[in-house]
C-alpha atoms as a PDB file:
ATOM      1  CA  MET A   1      14.448 -18.793  -3.423  1.00  0.00           C
ATOM      2  CA  SER A   2      10.831 -19.543  -4.331  1.00  0.00           C
ATOM      3  CA  SER A   3       8.408 -16.659  -4.700  1.00  0.00           C
ATOM      4  CA  PRO A   4       5.996 -16.189  -1.772  1.00  0.00           C
ATOM      5  CA  PRO A   5       2.362 -15.294  -2.523  1.00  0.00           C
ATOM      6  CA  LEU A   6       2.969 -11.524  -2.589  1.00  0.00           C
ATOM      7  CA  LEU A   7       0.283  -9.008  -3.602  1.00  0.00           C
ATOM      8  CA  ASP A   8       2.965  -6.761  -5.122  1.00  0.00           C
ATOM      9  CA  ALA A   9       3.209  -8.238  -8.605  1.00  0.00           C
ATOM     10  CA  GLU A  10       6.458  -6.471  -9.458  1.00  0.00           C
ATOM     11  CA  LEU A  11       8.187  -7.575  -6.255  1.00  0.00           C
ATOM     12  CA  ALA A  12       6.933 -11.131  -6.770  1.00  0.00           C
ATOM     13  CA  ARG A  13       8.196 -11.118 -10.364  1.00  0.00           C
ATOM     14  CA  HIS A  14      11.776 -10.395  -9.297  1.00  0.00           C
ATOM     15  CA  TRP A  15      11.770 -12.225  -5.971  1.00  0.00           C
ATOM     16  CA  SER A  16      13.389 -15.395  -7.285  1.00  0.00           C
ATOM     17  CA  THR A  17      15.897 -13.723  -9.604  1.00  0.00           C
ATOM     18  CA  PRO A  18      19.375 -15.160  -8.865  1.00  0.00           C
ATOM     19  CA  ALA A  19      21.721 -12.586  -7.335  1.00  0.00           C
ATOM     20  CA  GLN A  20      24.107 -12.760 -10.294  1.00  0.00           C
ATOM     21  CA  GLU A  21      21.277 -11.759 -12.646  1.00  0.00           C
ATOM     22  CA  LEU A  22      20.200  -8.685 -10.654  1.00  0.00           C
ATOM     23  CA  PRO A  23      21.161  -5.167 -11.805  1.00  0.00           C
ATOM     24  CA  LEU A  24      24.540  -3.971 -10.542  1.00  0.00           C
ATOM     25  CA  ALA A  25      23.005  -1.582  -7.982  1.00  0.00           C
ATOM     26  CA  LEU A  26      21.108  -4.390  -6.260  1.00  0.00           C
ATOM     27  CA  ARG A  27      24.068  -6.768  -6.389  1.00  0.00           C
ATOM     28  CA  ARG A  28      26.253  -4.184  -4.685  1.00  0.00           C
ATOM     29  CA  LEU A  29      23.522  -3.440  -2.137  1.00  0.00           C
ATOM     30  CA  GLN A  30      23.374  -7.118  -1.208  1.00  0.00           C
ATOM     31  CA  GLU A  31      27.147  -7.509  -1.096  1.00  0.00           C
ATOM     32  CA  THR A  32      27.788  -4.462   1.098  1.00  0.00           C
ATOM     33  CA  SER A  33      24.931  -5.274   3.463  1.00  0.00           C
ATOM     34  CA  GLY A  34      26.100  -8.834   4.057  1.00  0.00           C
ATOM     35  CA  THR A  35      22.566 -10.187   3.593  1.00  0.00           C
ATOM     36  CA  LEU A  36      21.343 -13.101   1.482  1.00  0.00           C
ATOM     37  CA  SER A  37      19.169 -10.986  -0.837  1.00  0.00           C
ATOM     38  CA  ALA A  38      18.424  -7.415  -1.870  1.00  0.00           C
ATOM     39  CA  HIS A  39      15.026  -7.713  -0.155  1.00  0.00           C
ATOM     40  CA  GLU A  40      16.671  -8.562   3.152  1.00  0.00           C
ATOM     41  CA  ALA A  41      19.099  -5.657   2.683  1.00  0.00           C
ATOM     42  CA  ILE A  42      16.194  -3.236   2.232  1.00  0.00           C
ATOM     43  CA  GLU A  43      14.364  -4.664   5.245  1.00  0.00           C
ATOM     44  CA  SER A  44      17.502  -4.218   7.354  1.00  0.00           C
ATOM     45  CA  ALA A  45      18.064  -0.639   6.132  1.00  0.00           C
ATOM     46  CA  ALA A  46      14.450   0.326   6.821  1.00  0.00           C
ATOM     47  CA  GLU A  47      14.553  -1.261  10.272  1.00  0.00           C
ATOM     48  CA  THR A  48      17.740   0.643  11.164  1.00  0.00           C
ATOM     49  CA  THR A  49      16.258   3.937   9.952  1.00  0.00           C
ATOM     50  CA  LEU A  50      13.021   3.390  11.884  1.00  0.00           C
ATOM     51  CA  SER A  51      15.001   2.536  15.001  1.00  0.00           C
ATOM     52  CA  VAL A  52      16.677   5.946  14.827  1.00  0.00           C
ATOM     53  CA  TYR A  53      13.302   7.559  14.113  1.00  0.00           C
ATOM     54  CA  GLU A  54      11.705   5.869  17.118  1.00  0.00           C
ATOM     55  CA  GLN A  55      14.499   6.977  19.435  1.00  0.00           C
ATOM     56  CA  ARG A  56      14.099  10.603  18.329  1.00  0.00           C
ATOM     57  CA  PHE A  57      10.364  10.965  17.774  1.00  0.00           C
ATOM     58  CA  GLY A  58       8.550   7.796  18.808  1.00  0.00           C
ATOM     59  CA  LEU A  59       6.196   5.799  16.581  1.00  0.00           C
ATOM     60  CA  GLY A  60       2.862   6.980  17.975  1.00  0.00           C
ATOM     61  CA  ASN A  61       1.915   9.169  15.015  1.00  0.00           C
ATOM     62  CA  ALA A  62       2.129   8.601  11.283  1.00  0.00           C
ATOM     63  CA  ILE A  63       5.761   8.533  10.173  1.00  0.00           C
ATOM     64  CA  SER A  64       6.877  11.961   8.939  1.00  0.00           C
ATOM     65  CA  VAL A  65       8.660  11.712   5.597  1.00  0.00           C
ATOM     66  CA  GLY A  66      10.334  15.042   6.349  1.00  0.00           C
ATOM     67  CA  ARG A  67      11.925  13.537   9.438  1.00  0.00           C
ATOM     68  CA  LEU A  68      12.903  10.408   7.493  1.00  0.00           C
ATOM     69  CA  CYS A  69      14.666  12.634   4.969  1.00  0.00           C
ATOM     70  CA  ASP A  70      16.558  14.373   7.770  1.00  0.00           C
ATOM     71  CA  ILE A  71      17.676  11.048   9.232  1.00  0.00           C
ATOM     72  CA  MET A  72      18.891   9.889   5.816  1.00  0.00           C
ATOM     73  CA  GLY A  73      20.655  13.157   5.030  1.00  0.00           C
ATOM     74  CA  ALA A  74      18.320  14.169   2.205  1.00  0.00           C
ATOM     75  CA  GLU A  75      16.628  17.507   1.547  1.00  0.00           C
ATOM     76  CA  LEU A  76      12.879  17.553   0.867  1.00  0.00           C
ATOM     77  CA  SER A  77      11.586  20.362  -1.314  1.00  0.00           C
ATOM     78  CA  GLY A  78       8.647  21.291  -3.497  1.00  0.00           C
ATOM     79  CA  PRO A  79       5.034  22.186  -2.715  1.00  0.00           C
ATOM     80  CA  LEU A  80       3.792  19.978   0.130  1.00  0.00           C
ATOM     81  CA  PRO A  81       0.097  19.011   0.120  1.00  0.00           C
ATOM     82  CA  ARG A  82      -1.872  20.110   3.146  1.00  0.00           C
ATOM     83  CA  ARG A  83      -2.631  17.465   5.745  1.00  0.00           C
ATOM     84  CA  ARG A  84      -6.297  16.592   6.117  1.00  0.00           C
ATOM     85  CA  ALA A  85      -7.783  16.887   9.608  1.00  0.00           C
ATOM     86  CA  THR A  86      -9.707  13.584   9.420  1.00  0.00           C
ATOM     87  CA  PRO A  87      -8.747  10.133   8.135  1.00  0.00           C
ATOM     88  CA  THR A  88      -9.145   9.708   4.390  1.00  0.00           C
ATOM     89  CA  TYR A  89      -8.782   6.729   2.099  1.00  0.00           C
ATOM     90  CA  SER A  90      -6.798   7.720  -0.944  1.00  0.00           C
ATOM     91  CA  SER A  91      -7.787   5.698  -3.989  1.00  0.00           C
ATOM     92  CA  ALA A  92      -5.005   7.350  -5.983  1.00  0.00           C
ATOM     93  CA  PRO A  93      -3.827   5.302  -8.968  1.00  0.00           C
ATOM     94  CA  VAL A  94      -1.116   2.750  -8.406  1.00  0.00           C
ATOM     95  CA  ALA A  95       2.181   4.620  -8.627  1.00  0.00           C
ATOM     96  CA  PHE A  96       4.735   1.867  -9.139  1.00  0.00           C
ATOM     97  CA  ARG A  97       6.543   3.006 -12.225  1.00  0.00           C
ATOM     98  CA  ARG A  98       8.640   6.122 -12.109  1.00  0.00           C
ATOM     99  CA  HIS A  99       6.216   8.174 -14.251  1.00  0.00           C
ATOM    100  CA  GLY A 100       3.449   7.416 -11.750  1.00  0.00           C
ATOM    101  CA  HIS A 101       5.201   8.818  -8.705  1.00  0.00           C
ATOM    102  CA  LYS A 102       5.031  12.472  -7.765  1.00  0.00           C
ATOM    103  CA  ALA A 103       8.564  12.938  -6.454  1.00  0.00           C
ATOM    104  CA  GLU A 104      12.052  12.832  -7.935  1.00  0.00           C
ATOM    105  CA  LEU A 105      15.428  12.018  -6.417  1.00  0.00           C
ATOM    106  CA  ARG A 106      18.183  14.417  -7.490  1.00  0.00           C
ATOM    107  CA  VAL A 107      21.838  13.827  -6.667  1.00  0.00           C
ATOM    108  CA  ASP A 108      23.401  16.730  -8.566  1.00  0.00           C
ATOM    109  CA  THR A 109      24.463  18.432  -5.320  1.00  0.00           C
ATOM    110  CA  ALA A 110      26.447  17.302  -2.263  1.00  0.00           C
ATOM    111  CA  ARG A 111      23.233  16.529  -0.401  1.00  0.00           C
ATOM    112  CA  PRO A 112      20.595  14.366  -2.134  1.00  0.00           C
ATOM    113  CA  ARG A 113      17.320  16.169  -2.817  1.00  0.00           C
ATOM    114  CA  ILE A 114      13.819  14.757  -3.127  1.00  0.00           C
ATOM    115  CA  VAL A 115      11.583  17.142  -5.037  1.00  0.00           C
ATOM    116  CA  LEU A 116       7.795  16.860  -4.916  1.00  0.00           C
ATOM    117  CA  ASN A 117       6.153  17.675  -8.227  1.00  0.00           C
ATOM    118  CA  GLY A 118       2.956  19.438  -7.232  1.00  0.00           C
ATOM    119  CA  CYS A 119       1.035  16.419  -5.933  1.00  0.00           C
ATOM    120  CA  MET A 120      -2.214  17.458  -4.218  1.00  0.00           C
ATOM    121  CA  ASP A 121      -2.934  14.002  -2.751  1.00  0.00           C
ATOM    122  CA  GLU A 122      -1.145  13.865   0.608  1.00  0.00           C
ATOM    123  CA  SER A 123      -1.115  10.065   0.790  1.00  0.00           C
ATOM    124  CA  LEU A 124       0.356   9.663  -2.699  1.00  0.00           C
ATOM    125  CA  ALA A 125       2.932  12.396  -1.991  1.00  0.00           C
ATOM    126  CA  ARG A 126       4.090  10.595   1.162  1.00  0.00           C
ATOM    127  CA  VAL A 127       4.423   7.236  -0.608  1.00  0.00           C
ATOM    128  CA  SER A 128       6.283   8.953  -3.457  1.00  0.00           C
ATOM    129  CA  VAL A 129       8.834  10.543  -1.108  1.00  0.00           C
ATOM    130  CA  ALA A 130       9.366   7.257   0.749  1.00  0.00           C
ATOM    131  CA  HIS A 131       9.828   5.507  -2.615  1.00  0.00           C
ATOM    132  CA  GLU A 132      12.679   7.885  -3.442  1.00  0.00           C
ATOM    133  CA  LEU A 133      14.219   7.178  -0.038  1.00  0.00           C
ATOM    134  CA  GLY A 134      14.143   3.543  -1.115  1.00  0.00           C
ATOM    135  CA  HIS A 135      16.361   4.479  -4.060  1.00  0.00           C
ATOM    136  CA  LEU A 136      18.750   6.111  -1.581  1.00  0.00           C
ATOM    137  CA  PHE A 137      18.917   2.819   0.315  1.00  0.00           C
ATOM    138  CA  VAL A 138      19.829   1.033  -2.909  1.00  0.00           C
ATOM    139  CA  HIS A 139      22.695   3.360  -3.832  1.00  0.00           C
ATOM    140  CA  ARG A 140      24.082   4.215  -0.401  1.00  0.00           C
ATOM    141  CA  ARG A 141      27.359   2.597   0.587  1.00  0.00           C
ATOM    142  CA  GLY A 142      28.013   3.556   4.175  1.00  0.00           C
ATOM    143  CA  SER A 143      27.914   7.345   4.419  1.00  0.00           C
ATOM    144  CA  SER A 144      28.365   8.016   0.685  1.00  0.00           C
ATOM    145  CA  LEU A 145      26.495   7.344  -2.542  1.00  0.00           C
ATOM    146  CA  ASP A 146      27.593   4.954  -5.256  1.00  0.00           C
ATOM    147  CA  ARG A 147      27.867   7.360  -8.187  1.00  0.00           C
ATOM    148  CA  SER A 148      28.647   4.587 -10.665  1.00  0.00           C
ATOM    149  CA  THR A 149      25.350   2.758 -10.043  1.00  0.00           C
ATOM    150  CA  LEU A 150      23.435   6.040  -9.969  1.00  0.00           C
ATOM    151  CA  ARG A 151      24.715   6.846 -13.467  1.00  0.00           C
ATOM    152  CA  LEU A 152      23.311   3.557 -14.767  1.00  0.00           C
ATOM    153  CA  GLY A 153      19.746   4.673 -14.083  1.00  0.00           C
ATOM    154  CA  THR A 154      16.967   2.667 -12.519  1.00  0.00           C
ATOM    155  CA  SER A 155      15.560  -0.746 -13.433  1.00  0.00           C
ATOM    156  CA  PRO A 156      12.260  -2.602 -12.891  1.00  0.00           C
ATOM    157  CA  GLU A 157      13.933  -4.590 -10.121  1.00  0.00           C
ATOM    158  CA  GLU A 158      15.116  -1.434  -8.361  1.00  0.00           C
ATOM    159  CA  GLU A 159      11.697   0.198  -8.712  1.00  0.00           C
ATOM    160  CA  ALA A 160      10.077  -2.815  -7.032  1.00  0.00           C
ATOM    161  CA  ILE A 161      12.604  -2.728  -4.189  1.00  0.00           C
ATOM    162  CA  ALA A 162      12.135   1.039  -3.721  1.00  0.00           C
ATOM    163  CA  GLU A 163       8.357   0.607  -3.541  1.00  0.00           C
ATOM    164  CA  TYR A 164       8.796  -2.141  -0.955  1.00  0.00           C
ATOM    165  CA  ALA A 165      11.057   0.198   1.039  1.00  0.00           C
ATOM    166  CA  ALA A 166       8.350   2.886   0.981  1.00  0.00           C
ATOM    167  CA  ARG A 167       5.849   0.525   2.590  1.00  0.00           C
ATOM    168  CA  LEU A 168       8.376  -0.668   5.179  1.00  0.00           C
ATOM    169  CA  LEU A 169       9.165   2.925   6.188  1.00  0.00           C
ATOM    170  CA  LEU A 170       5.614   4.293   6.361  1.00  0.00           C
ATOM    171  CA  LEU A 171       3.842   1.191   7.684  1.00  0.00           C
ATOM    172  CA  PRO A 172       6.037  -0.463  10.331  1.00  0.00           C
ATOM    173  CA  ARG A 173       4.987  -3.813  11.725  1.00  0.00           C
ATOM    174  CA  SER A 174       4.015  -2.110  14.991  1.00  0.00           C
ATOM    175  CA  PHE A 175       1.293  -0.202  13.073  1.00  0.00           C
ATOM    176  CA  ILE A 176      -0.244  -3.369  11.674  1.00  0.00           C
ATOM    177  CA  SER A 177      -0.632  -5.764  14.608  1.00  0.00           C
ATOM    178  CA  PRO A 178      -3.277  -3.686  16.498  1.00  0.00           C
ATOM    179  CA  PHE A 179      -5.640  -3.721  13.517  1.00  0.00           C
ATOM    180  CA  ARG A 180      -5.164  -7.461  13.003  1.00  0.00           C
ATOM    181  CA  LYS A 181      -6.160  -8.053  16.609  1.00  0.00           C
ATOM    182  CA  LEU A 182      -9.140  -5.671  16.392  1.00  0.00           C
ATOM    183  CA  HIS A 183     -10.700  -6.911  13.129  1.00  0.00           C
ATOM    184  CA  THR A 184     -11.147 -10.230  11.369  1.00  0.00           C
ATOM    185  CA  ASN A 185     -12.197  -8.201   8.306  1.00  0.00           C
ATOM    186  CA  THR A 186      -8.991  -7.778   6.293  1.00  0.00           C
ATOM    187  CA  ALA A 187     -10.437  -4.940   4.199  1.00  0.00           C
ATOM    188  CA  LEU A 188     -11.222  -3.009   7.367  1.00  0.00           C
ATOM    189  CA  GLN A 189      -7.671  -3.653   8.567  1.00  0.00           C
ATOM    190  CA  ALA A 190      -6.386  -2.149   5.321  1.00  0.00           C
ATOM    191  CA  VAL A 191      -8.467   1.046   5.353  1.00  0.00           C
ATOM    192  CA  GLU A 192      -7.639   1.739   8.984  1.00  0.00           C
ATOM    193  CA  LEU A 193      -3.959   1.062   8.304  1.00  0.00           C
ATOM    194  CA  ALA A 194      -4.102   3.499   5.373  1.00  0.00           C
ATOM    195  CA  ALA A 195      -5.622   6.166   7.616  1.00  0.00           C
ATOM    196  CA  ARG A 196      -3.174   5.519  10.452  1.00  0.00           C
ATOM    197  CA  GLY A 197      -0.158   5.618   8.136  1.00  0.00           C
ATOM    198  CA  ARG A 198      -1.564   8.358   5.854  1.00  0.00           C
ATOM    199  CA  VAL A 199      -0.778   6.307   2.764  1.00  0.00           C
ATOM    200  CA  THR A 200      -2.759   5.232  -0.279  1.00  0.00           C
ATOM    201  CA  LEU A 201      -5.166   2.333   0.033  1.00  0.00           C
ATOM    202  CA  HIS A 202      -3.109   0.407  -2.484  1.00  0.00           C
ATOM    203  CA  ALA A 203       0.042   0.751  -0.357  1.00  0.00           C
ATOM    204  CA  ALA A 204      -1.813  -0.384   2.778  1.00  0.00           C
ATOM    205  CA  VAL A 205      -3.432  -3.366   1.030  1.00  0.00           C
ATOM    206  CA  VAL A 206      -0.198  -4.577  -0.544  1.00  0.00           C
ATOM    207  CA  ARG A 207       1.612  -4.091   2.784  1.00  0.00           C
ATOM    208  CA  LEU A 208      -0.645  -6.722   4.355  1.00  0.00           C
ATOM    209  CA  GLY A 209       0.778  -9.213   1.853  1.00  0.00           C
ATOM    210  CA  ASP A 210       4.446  -8.224   2.198  1.00  0.00           C
ATOM    211  CA  PRO A 211       6.965 -11.004   2.914  1.00  0.00           C
ATOM    212  CA  ASP A 212       8.107  -9.727   6.328  1.00  0.00           C
ATOM    213  CA  ILE A 213       4.608 -10.050   7.854  1.00  0.00           C
ATOM    214  CA  ALA A 214       2.380 -12.160   5.588  1.00  0.00           C
ATOM    215  CA  ASP A 215       1.197 -15.667   6.403  1.00  0.00           C
ATOM    216  CA  GLY A 216       0.338 -16.451   2.790  1.00  0.00           C
ATOM    217  CA  SER A 217      -3.431 -16.363   3.269  1.00  0.00           C
ATOM    218  CA  LEU A 218      -4.136 -13.071   1.466  1.00  0.00           C
ATOM    219  CA  GLN A 219      -4.528 -13.862  -2.237  1.00  0.00           C
ATOM    220  CA  ALA A 220      -6.039 -10.864  -4.016  1.00  0.00           C
ATOM    221  CA  ALA A 221      -7.434  -7.360  -3.635  1.00  0.00           C
ATOM    222  CA  ILE A 222      -9.683  -5.247  -5.852  1.00  0.00           C
ATOM    223  CA  LEU A 223     -10.923  -1.691  -5.420  1.00  0.00           C
ATOM    224  CA  TRP A 224     -14.341  -1.312  -7.069  1.00  0.00           C
ATOM    225  CA  LYS A 225     -15.821   1.999  -8.197  1.00  0.00           C
ATOM    226  CA  LEU A 226     -19.011   3.181  -9.873  1.00  0.00           C
ATOM    227  CA  LYS A 227     -18.763   3.504 -13.642  1.00  0.00           C
ATOM    228  CA  PRO A 228     -19.097   7.099 -14.813  1.00  0.00           C
ATOM    229  CA  HIS A 229     -21.785   7.949 -17.377  1.00  0.00           C
ATOM    230  CA  THR A 230     -23.513   4.571 -17.207  1.00  0.00           C
ATOM    231  CA  THR A 231     -27.222   4.088 -17.872  1.00  0.00           C
ATOM    232  CA  ALA A 232     -27.396   0.773 -15.981  1.00  0.00           C
ATOM    233  CA  ASP A 233     -29.994   0.555 -13.216  1.00  0.00           C
ATOM    234  CA  ARG A 234     -28.734  -2.388 -11.174  1.00  0.00           C
ATOM    235  CA  ILE A 235     -25.890  -1.666  -8.757  1.00  0.00           C
ATOM    236  CA  GLU A 236     -23.792  -4.659  -9.822  1.00  0.00           C
ATOM    237  CA  GLN A 237     -23.871  -3.418 -13.434  1.00  0.00           C
ATOM    238  CA  ARG A 238     -22.643   0.001 -12.346  1.00  0.00           C
ATOM    239  CA  LEU A 239     -19.596  -1.384 -10.528  1.00  0.00           C
ATOM    240  CA  THR A 240     -16.197  -2.009 -12.125  1.00  0.00           C
ATOM    241  CA  PRO A 241     -12.656  -2.541 -10.818  1.00  0.00           C
ATOM    242  CA  GLN A 242     -10.513   0.594 -10.452  1.00  0.00           C
ATOM    243  CA  TRP A 243      -7.334  -1.345  -9.611  1.00  0.00           C
ATOM    244  CA  PHE A 244      -6.409  -4.840  -8.521  1.00  0.00           C
ATOM    245  CA  ALA A 245      -3.533  -6.602  -6.785  1.00  0.00           C
ATOM    246  CA  CYS A 246      -3.553 -10.313  -7.500  1.00  0.00           C
ATOM    247  CA  PRO A 247      -0.381 -11.590  -9.198  1.00  0.00           C
ATOM    248  CA  GLY A 248      -1.004 -14.399 -11.621  1.00  0.00           C
ATOM    249  CA  ALA A 249      -4.591 -13.339 -12.314  1.00  0.00           C
ATOM    250  CA  PHE A 250      -6.096 -10.916 -14.808  1.00  0.00           C
ATOM    251  CA  VAL A 251      -8.960  -8.639 -13.779  1.00  0.00           C
ATOM    252  CA  PRO A 252     -10.536  -6.479 -16.531  1.00  0.00           C
ATOM    253  CA  VAL A 253     -10.276  -2.943 -15.144  1.00  0.00           C
ATOM    254  CA  GLY A 254     -13.037  -0.595 -16.242  1.00  0.00           C
ATOM    255  CA  THR A 255     -14.983  -3.193 -18.204  1.00  0.00           C
ATOM    256  CA  SER A 256     -16.093  -6.049 -15.936  1.00  0.00           C
ATOM    257  CA  SER A 257     -19.011  -5.780 -13.510  1.00  0.00           C
ATOM    258  CA  ALA A 258     -19.890  -7.321 -10.159  1.00  0.00           C
ATOM    259  CA  ARG A 259     -22.111 -10.399  -9.906  1.00  0.00           C
ATOM    260  CA  PRO A 260     -25.686 -10.076  -8.619  1.00  0.00           C
ATOM    261  CA  GLY A 261     -25.881 -10.956  -4.941  1.00  0.00           C
ATOM    262  CA  SER A 262     -22.107 -10.904  -4.479  1.00  0.00           C
ATOM    263  CA  LEU A 263     -20.526  -9.351  -1.409  1.00  0.00           C
ATOM    264  CA  VAL A 264     -19.332  -6.411  -3.521  1.00  0.00           C
ATOM    265  CA  ALA A 265     -22.833  -5.722  -4.835  1.00  0.00           C
ATOM    266  CA  ARG A 266     -24.435  -6.012  -1.390  1.00  0.00           C
ATOM    267  CA  LEU A 267     -21.919  -3.619   0.156  1.00  0.00           C
ATOM    268  CA  ALA A 268     -22.355  -1.115  -2.651  1.00  0.00           C
ATOM    269  CA  GLU A 269     -26.137  -1.061  -2.425  1.00  0.00           C
ATOM    270  CA  ASP A 270     -25.950   0.026   1.229  1.00  0.00           C
ATOM    271  CA  GLY A 271     -25.483   3.271  -0.602  1.00  0.00           C
ATOM    272  CA  GLU A 272     -24.873   6.134   1.831  1.00  0.00           C
ATOM    273  CA  LYS A 273     -22.964   4.720   4.799  1.00  0.00           C
ATOM    274  CA  PRO A 274     -19.687   2.927   5.475  1.00  0.00           C
ATOM    275  CA  VAL A 275     -20.222  -0.783   5.988  1.00  0.00           C
ATOM    276  CA  SER A 276     -18.066  -3.912   6.086  1.00  0.00           C
ATOM    277  CA  ARG A 277     -18.755  -7.638   5.893  1.00  0.00           C
ATOM    278  CA  VAL A 278     -16.961 -10.975   5.684  1.00  0.00           C
ATOM    279  CA  ALA A 279     -18.275 -14.050   3.869  1.00  0.00           C
ATOM    280  CA  VAL A 280     -17.167 -17.242   2.134  1.00  0.00           C
ATOM    281  CA  GLU A 281     -17.839 -16.865  -1.571  1.00  0.00           C
ATOM    282  CA  ASP A 282     -17.175 -18.460  -4.953  1.00  0.00           C
ATOM    283  CA  VAL A 283     -15.322 -15.735  -6.855  1.00  0.00           C
ATOM    284  CA  ARG A 284     -15.214 -15.371 -10.643  1.00  0.00           C
ATOM    285  CA  ILE A 285     -13.666 -12.070 -11.722  1.00  0.00           C
ATOM    286  CA  GLY A 286     -11.606 -12.309 -14.890  1.00  0.00           C
ATOM    287  CA  THR A 287      -9.145 -15.140 -14.258  1.00  0.00           C
ATOM    288  CA  LEU A 288      -9.435 -14.766 -10.483  1.00  0.00           C
ATOM    289  CA  VAL A 289     -11.484 -17.880  -9.784  1.00  0.00           C
ATOM    290  CA  GLY A 290     -11.956 -19.917  -6.616  1.00  0.00           C
ATOM    291  CA  LYS A 291     -13.594 -20.198  -3.231  1.00  0.00           C
ATOM    292  CA  PHE A 292     -12.304 -17.574  -0.788  1.00  0.00           C
ATOM    293  CA  THR A 293     -12.988 -15.920   2.486  1.00  0.00           C
ATOM    294  CA  VAL A 294     -13.864 -12.458   1.170  1.00  0.00           C
ATOM    295  CA  SER A 295     -13.642  -9.250   3.179  1.00  0.00           C
ATOM    296  CA  GLY A 296     -15.193  -6.010   2.040  1.00  0.00           C
ATOM    297  CA  PHE A 297     -15.466  -2.403   3.123  1.00  0.00           C
ATOM    298  CA  ALA A 298     -17.590   0.199   1.297  1.00  0.00           C
ATOM    299  CA  TRP A 299     -17.847   3.947   1.721  1.00  0.00           C
ATOM    300  CA  GLY A 300     -18.945   6.998  -0.235  1.00  0.00           C
ATOM    301  CA  SER A 301     -22.299   7.700  -1.850  1.00  0.00           C
ATOM    302  CA  VAL A 302     -24.163   5.890  -4.620  1.00  0.00           C
ATOM    303  CA  VAL A 303     -26.249   9.005  -5.264  1.00  0.00           C
ATOM    304  CA  ALA A 304     -23.154  11.183  -5.658  1.00  0.00           C
ATOM    305  CA  GLY A 305     -21.345   8.517  -7.667  1.00  0.00           C
ATOM    306  CA  THR A 306     -18.501   8.271  -5.145  1.00  0.00           C
ATOM    307  CA  ARG A 307     -19.214   4.784  -3.758  1.00  0.00           C
ATOM    308  CA  LEU A 308     -16.088   2.601  -3.477  1.00  0.00           C
ATOM    309  CA  VAL A 309     -15.754  -1.006  -2.313  1.00  0.00           C
ATOM    310  CA  LEU A 310     -12.470  -2.529  -1.188  1.00  0.00           C
ATOM    311  CA  PHE A 311     -12.620  -6.300  -1.702  1.00  0.00           C
ATOM    312  CA  LEU A 312      -9.982  -8.755  -0.423  1.00  0.00           C
ATOM    313  CA  CYS A 313      -9.761 -12.514  -0.976  1.00  0.00           C
ATOM    314  CA  SER A 314      -8.051 -14.871   1.458  1.00  0.00           C
ATOM    315  CA  THR A 315      -7.755 -18.639   1.649  1.00  0.00           C
ATOM    316  CA  PRO A 316     -10.950 -19.999   3.237  1.00  0.00           C
ATOM    317  CA  GLU A 317     -11.197 -20.196   7.003  1.00  0.00           C
ATOM    318  CA  PRO A 318     -12.043 -23.563   8.609  1.00  0.00           C
ATOM    319  CA  THR A 319     -15.709 -24.574   8.487  1.00  0.00           C
ATOM    320  CA  GLY A 320     -17.738 -22.804  11.119  1.00  0.00           C
ATOM    321  CA  ALA A 321     -15.642 -19.637  11.216  1.00  0.00           C
ATOM    322  CA  ALA A 322     -17.710 -16.663  12.324  1.00  0.00           C
ATOM    323  CA  LEU A 323     -18.771 -14.120   9.737  1.00  0.00           C
ATOM    324  CA  GLN A 324     -18.756 -10.435  10.574  1.00  0.00           C
ATOM    325  CA  SER A 325     -20.823  -7.387   9.702  1.00  0.00           C
ATOM    326  CA  THR A 326     -19.888  -3.915  10.865  1.00  0.00           C
ATOM    327  CA  ASP A 327     -22.327  -1.034  10.773  1.00  0.00           C
ATOM    328  CA  ARG A 328     -21.509   2.661  10.766  1.00  0.00           C
ATOM    329  CA  ARG A 329     -21.599   3.069  14.555  1.00  0.00           C
ATOM    330  CA  GLU A 330     -19.228   0.149  15.150  1.00  0.00           C
ATOM    331  CA  TYR A 331     -16.894   1.428  12.443  1.00  0.00           C
ATOM    332  CA  GLN A 332     -16.773   4.943  13.886  1.00  0.00           C
ATOM    333  CA  ARG A 333     -16.088   3.549  17.355  1.00  0.00           C
ATOM    334  CA  SER A 334     -13.176   1.489  16.034  1.00  0.00           C
ATOM    335  CA  LEU A 335     -11.653   4.661  14.552  1.00  0.00           C
ATOM    336  CA  PHE A 336     -11.974   6.688  17.776  1.00  0.00           C
ATOM    337  CA  GLU A 337      -8.341   6.356  18.827  1.00  0.00           C
ATOM    338  CA  LEU A 338      -7.113   7.032  15.304  1.00  0.00           C
ATOM    339  CA  ARG A 339      -9.117  10.264  15.029  1.00  0.00           C
ATOM    340  CA  SER A 340      -8.049  11.331  18.524  1.00  0.00           C
ATOM    341  CA  GLU A 341      -4.371  10.981  17.681  1.00  0.00           C
ATOM    342  CA  PRO A 342      -2.560  14.352  17.892  1.00  0.00           C
ATOM    343  CA  ALA A 343      -1.405  15.755  14.584  1.00  0.00           C
ATOM    344  CA  SER A 344       2.312  15.697  13.828  1.00  0.00           C
ATOM    345  CA  PRO A 345       3.710  19.241  13.593  1.00  0.00           C
ATOM    346  CA  GLU A 346       5.839  18.088  10.669  1.00  0.00           C
ATOM    347  CA  GLY A 347       2.860  17.693   8.329  1.00  0.00           C
ATOM    348  CA  VAL A 348       3.874  15.449   5.445  1.00  0.00           C
END
């Protein structure tokens, strides 16, 4: 199976691994599920779980990880971060590897437990819990757990599958299609999806490139931030990548700067208001080189040093495609329904 153009580098790395070369836990998952791959097994498990969730609670609000735990027979414990009243865009660091997540799956009792480890970022906490539920998917055989594969410990392949499961659970396809219809700006789709799903920006961005929904056009994503303690005057010199998602390319995080006149620089210099734009641009950032349709969304304050720019690259649209610019009023209007959505009583 050839690797699709996924934004999740770890998932892409293991996508084409022959079944016989996968870790035992993933081989057993595939065998017991009757699917052609571990990825399909996880997609099926997530879909079944969300079907139960929808029957009980509906899918109008953000998915409650507490309710997901109940459905999957797991106990959720630990200090839960307080839910914010308004949409936020968590730029929390990428939490793929186990030391980056803020939750832990424990199976030392009859009922599996997921313990949150004092995470104050609600979005990261939710993704972390859903990631651990992904591990439950991997080791569950019917109504019981496979203790032999649990004793073997995790693997890079399992971590990638668990992270994929987290995105499938918290960002169902039904959440994504409305934003795709509303906006041609892919960056704006991502930030609104992150707010709707109450997940990190990174999870929302990578979700747009996942194999169950992607059309292959989205090629790369970079979150730009202002460098701390810099003496540079020009805005492009003050900008540097905070994280990137573009498998096969290298982007110097924390050291490279934006180009003068680039979409990133122009969005950043609109310093005190949220703004988004789409353009066709020649991109040269590290080894990410080419002509792309670029989508950007910026928010925060240049004066306060909190300005961030989300920058996404897609394969170019046909000649003559309309370019888009969204000012603050248009952006706030597009978020009206999201902000008006009633809060879930379950919190996290």
